[in-house]
Amino acid sequence: MSNGHAIRGTRVGSAPARHPERHKPVPCRSVSYWCRNGHRTDIRIVADVAAPPVWDCPRCGQPAGQDAQDPPARTRAEPYKTHLAYVKERRTDAEGEAILAEALAALRRRRGLR
């Protein structure tokens, strides 16, 4: 009995099935990470690659380490900095005063003052 579909088969854009003789699966290993909140995360890594020492916990976002008894400490959240705070990191007060005086002098020249 026909179901009314004229075209049957795979979906549009799908790749042909791979032949087993063309590829071989890469050997992998499982590495476990624990965060301070007690969450366990298992990731699969290629067997001949060194595992990273710290991994971000997908549940709480805290850093997780491979030692379940001593996971890494929580990261301190960096406070929000304004544009002015970044400028003050790069310039001293004397440099800021000199730049301000230069900008005011240019503004006064354009306006025809002095």
Protein backbone atom coordinates (compact mmCIF):
# COMPACT_ATOMS: atom_id res chain seq x y z
CA MET A 1 0.00 0.00 0.00
CA SER A 2 1.40 3.40 -0.96
CA ASN A 3 1.69 6.17 1.60
CA GLY A 4 1.47 8.95 -0.99
CA HIS A 5 5.16 9.94 -1.01
CA ALA A 6 6.72 9.88 -4.46
CA ILE A 7 10.31 10.27 -3.28
CA ARG A 8 11.77 7.81 -0.83
CA GLY A 9 15.25 7.42 0.58
CA THR A 10 17.61 9.64 2.53
CA ARG A 11 17.03 13.28 3.31
CA VAL A 12 18.23 16.04 1.00
CA GLY A 13 21.83 17.07 1.62
CA SER A 14 22.86 13.98 3.51
CA ALA A 15 26.20 12.46 2.69
CA PRO A 16 26.51 8.92 1.43
CA ALA A 17 27.21 6.28 4.04
CA ARG A 18 30.91 5.75 4.73
CA HIS A 19 32.44 2.46 3.85
CA PRO A 20 34.10 0.77 6.83
CA GLU A 21 37.38 0.28 4.98
CA ARG A 22 37.83 4.07 4.51
CA HIS A 23 38.13 5.09 8.14
CA LYS A 24 39.16 3.68 11.43
CA PRO A 25 37.91 5.03 14.78
CA VAL A 26 40.52 6.88 16.83
CA PRO A 27 41.31 5.30 20.21
CA CYS A 28 39.89 7.47 22.99
CA ARG A 29 39.89 7.50 26.76
CA SER A 30 37.53 8.94 29.33
CA VAL A 31 38.76 11.59 31.78
CA SER A 32 36.75 12.65 34.85
CA TYR A 33 36.74 16.14 36.36
CA TRP A 34 35.19 17.33 39.65
CA CYS A 35 34.28 20.88 40.71
CA ARG A 36 33.90 22.30 44.24
CA ASN A 37 30.13 21.77 44.04
CA GLY A 38 30.65 18.01 43.68
CA HIS A 39 29.63 17.82 40.02
CA ARG A 40 31.37 15.14 37.99
CA THR A 41 32.09 15.69 34.31
CA ASP A 42 33.35 12.92 32.02
CA ILE A 43 34.91 13.89 28.70
CA ARG A 44 36.39 11.74 25.97
CA ILE A 45 39.88 12.64 24.79
CA VAL A 46 42.06 11.08 22.13
CA ALA A 47 44.28 8.49 23.83
CA ASP A 48 47.65 10.00 22.86
CA VAL A 49 46.76 13.60 23.83
CA ALA A 50 47.40 14.97 27.32
CA ALA A 51 44.23 15.92 29.20
CA PRO A 52 43.93 19.57 30.25
CA PRO A 53 44.53 20.08 33.98
CA VAL A 54 41.36 22.19 34.41
CA TRP A 55 37.97 21.90 32.70
CA ASP A 56 34.96 24.19 33.16
CA CYS A 57 32.01 22.46 34.81
CA PRO A 58 29.06 22.50 32.38
CA ARG A 59 26.54 22.61 35.28
CA CYS A 60 27.85 25.49 37.42
CA GLY A 61 30.68 27.04 35.34
CA GLN A 62 33.30 26.65 38.08
CA PRO A 63 36.72 25.15 37.28
CA ALA A 64 36.96 21.39 37.69
CA GLY A 65 40.07 19.30 38.25
CA GLN A 66 40.95 15.63 37.97
CA ASP A 67 41.40 15.16 41.75
CA ALA A 68 38.00 14.48 43.33
CA GLN A 69 39.33 15.10 46.87
CA ASP A 70 40.91 18.48 46.05
CA PRO A 71 39.15 20.26 43.16
CA PRO A 72 40.43 23.71 42.08
CA ALA A 73 39.29 26.80 43.98
CA ARG A 74 36.54 29.02 42.71
CA THR A 75 37.61 31.75 40.35
CA ARG A 76 37.20 35.28 41.60
CA ALA A 77 34.79 37.20 39.42
CA GLU A 78 36.45 40.26 37.91
CA PRO A 79 34.37 43.37 38.68
CA TYR A 80 32.95 45.35 35.79
CA LYS A 81 35.27 48.14 34.67
CA THR A 82 34.11 51.30 32.98
CA HIS A 83 35.89 52.91 30.05
CA LEU A 84 37.29 55.51 32.43
CA ALA A 85 38.79 52.79 34.66
CA TYR A 86 40.65 51.31 31.68
CA VAL A 87 41.91 54.76 30.64
CA LYS A 88 43.13 55.43 34.19
CA GLU A 89 45.09 52.19 34.10
CA ARG A 90 46.99 53.37 31.01
CA ARG A 91 47.50 57.05 31.87
CA THR A 92 48.83 58.93 34.88
CA ASP A 93 47.02 61.97 36.26
CA ALA A 94 49.66 64.27 34.76
CA GLU A 95 49.21 62.72 31.29
CA GLY A 96 45.44 63.07 31.63
CA GLU A 97 45.73 66.76 32.55
CA ALA A 98 48.05 67.39 29.57
CA ILE A 99 45.66 65.65 27.13
CA LEU A 100 42.69 67.55 28.57
CA ALA A 101 44.51 70.91 28.27
CA GLU A 102 45.48 70.10 24.68
CA ALA A 103 41.88 69.16 23.76
CA LEU A 104 40.47 72.32 25.41
CA ALA A 105 43.00 74.49 23.56
CA ALA A 106 42.01 72.89 20.22
CA LEU A 107 38.31 73.42 21.03
CA ARG A 108 38.87 77.08 21.88
CA ARG A 109 40.80 77.62 18.61
CA ARG A 110 37.95 76.15 16.59
CA ARG A 111 35.41 78.34 18.37
CA GLY A 112 37.53 81.43 17.89
CA LEU A 113 38.14 82.04 21.55
CA ARG A 114 41.60 83.29 22.51
